[in-house]
Amino acid sequence: MTWIIWAVLLFLQNAAHTVTSRSRNSASVMYTAIASVFSNGVWFASQFYIVNELIAAKQTGWARFIAVLAFYILFTVAGSVFSHWYFMAWEKRRGITKA
């Protein structure tokens, strides 16, 4: 269950980071503020999992470290790509992008 929660947090972490980056290209300060609070909150929560997993990997060996690394990369990339795709359309519908 821990890895499932961590997967969701990693997905949301990069999704939120991508939204924050996209929001900086908009004319909406409120959009940037909300995205930044969400991004930093999710990042903070996800740190509990990464620290615990890295400590466990240090104690159990390279195989776990590689698994943690692959897991982290997989879910952060998925979160970033999905949110980029989703929020391009969302911003367009709301007319909040500059371009």
Protein backbone atom coordinates (compact mmCIF):
# COMPACT_ATOMS: atom_id res chain seq x y z
CA MET A 1 0.00 0.00 0.00
CA THR A 2 2.91 2.34 0.72
CA TRP A 3 4.20 2.12 -2.86
CA ILE A 4 0.72 2.81 -4.25
CA ILE A 5 0.42 5.97 -2.16
CA TRP A 6 3.93 6.96 -3.19
CA ALA A 7 3.10 6.34 -6.87
CA VAL A 8 0.10 8.67 -6.60
CA LEU A 9 2.21 11.31 -4.85
CA LEU A 10 4.96 11.07 -7.47
CA PHE A 11 2.43 11.38 -10.27
CA LEU A 12 0.85 14.40 -8.58
CA GLN A 13 4.26 15.87 -7.73
CA ASN A 14 5.34 16.21 -11.33
CA ALA A 15 1.84 16.99 -12.53
CA ALA A 16 1.77 19.88 -10.09
CA HIS A 17 5.29 20.98 -11.08
CA THR A 18 4.31 20.96 -14.76
CA VAL A 19 1.17 22.96 -14.03
CA THR A 20 3.25 25.48 -12.07
CA SER A 21 5.64 25.86 -14.99
CA ARG A 22 2.76 26.28 -17.42
CA SER A 23 1.04 28.78 -15.14
CA ARG A 24 4.04 31.09 -15.29
CA ASN A 25 3.36 31.54 -19.00
CA SER A 26 -0.18 32.72 -18.33
CA ALA A 27 -1.40 36.15 -17.37
CA SER A 28 -3.04 34.79 -14.19
CA VAL A 29 -1.24 35.36 -10.91
CA MET A 30 -3.94 33.38 -9.08
CA TYR A 31 -3.35 30.36 -11.35
CA THR A 32 0.36 30.51 -10.51
CA ALA A 33 -0.30 30.89 -6.78
CA ILE A 34 -2.68 27.92 -6.58
CA ALA A 35 -0.40 25.75 -8.72
CA SER A 36 2.63 26.64 -6.59
CA VAL A 37 0.91 25.83 -3.29
CA PHE A 38 -0.23 22.48 -4.69
CA SER A 39 3.20 21.70 -6.16
CA ASN A 40 5.11 22.46 -2.97
CA GLY A 41 2.59 20.64 -0.76
CA VAL A 42 2.77 17.45 -2.81
CA TRP A 43 6.57 17.65 -3.02
CA PHE A 44 6.79 17.93 0.78
CA ALA A 45 4.52 14.92 1.31
CA SER A 46 6.45 12.82 -1.20
CA GLN A 47 9.73 13.42 0.63
CA PHE A 48 8.67 11.13 3.48
CA TYR A 49 8.44 8.23 1.03
CA ILE A 50 11.66 8.89 -0.89
CA VAL A 51 13.70 9.25 2.28
CA ASN A 52 12.33 6.00 3.72
CA GLU A 53 12.90 4.12 0.48
CA LEU A 54 16.45 5.39 0.07
CA ILE A 55 17.29 4.38 3.64
CA ALA A 56 15.84 0.91 2.96
CA ALA A 57 17.79 0.71 -0.30
CA LYS A 58 21.00 1.60 1.50
CA GLN A 59 20.41 -1.28 3.89
CA THR A 60 19.32 -3.88 1.32
CA GLY A 61 21.52 -3.16 -1.69
CA TRP A 62 21.66 -1.96 -5.27
CA ALA A 63 18.67 -3.92 -6.56
CA ARG A 64 16.30 -1.98 -4.34
CA PHE A 65 18.01 1.28 -5.22
CA ILE A 66 17.51 0.57 -8.93
CA ALA A 67 13.85 -0.36 -8.26
CA VAL A 68 13.31 2.89 -6.34
CA LEU A 69 14.99 4.90 -9.09
CA ALA A 70 12.95 3.27 -11.86
CA PHE A 71 9.72 3.66 -9.88
CA TYR A 72 10.45 7.33 -9.21
CA ILE A 73 11.26 8.06 -12.85
CA LEU A 74 8.25 6.17 -14.19
CA PHE A 75 5.65 7.94 -12.08
CA THR A 76 7.16 11.43 -12.24
CA VAL A 77 7.43 11.25 -16.04
CA ALA A 78 3.85 9.96 -16.29
CA GLY A 79 2.61 12.81 -14.10
CA SER A 80 4.47 15.42 -16.11
CA VAL A 81 3.39 14.16 -19.54
CA PHE A 82 -0.24 13.64 -18.52
CA SER A 83 -0.59 17.04 -16.87
CA HIS A 84 1.06 18.81 -19.80
CA TRP A 85 -1.43 17.19 -22.19
CA TYR A 86 -4.43 17.82 -19.92
CA PHE A 87 -3.66 21.41 -18.96
CA MET A 88 -2.87 22.52 -22.52
CA ALA A 89 -6.49 21.74 -23.35
CA TRP A 90 -7.78 23.14 -20.03
CA GLU A 91 -5.95 26.45 -20.51
CA LYS A 92 -7.15 26.72 -24.10
CA ARG A 93 -10.79 26.19 -23.05
CA ARG A 94 -10.49 28.92 -20.43
CA GLY A 95 -8.49 31.28 -22.62
CA ILE A 96 -5.74 31.84 -20.03
CA THR A 97 -2.68 31.14 -22.16
CA LYS A 98 -0.71 33.93 -23.81
CA ALA A 99 -0.16 32.10 -27.07
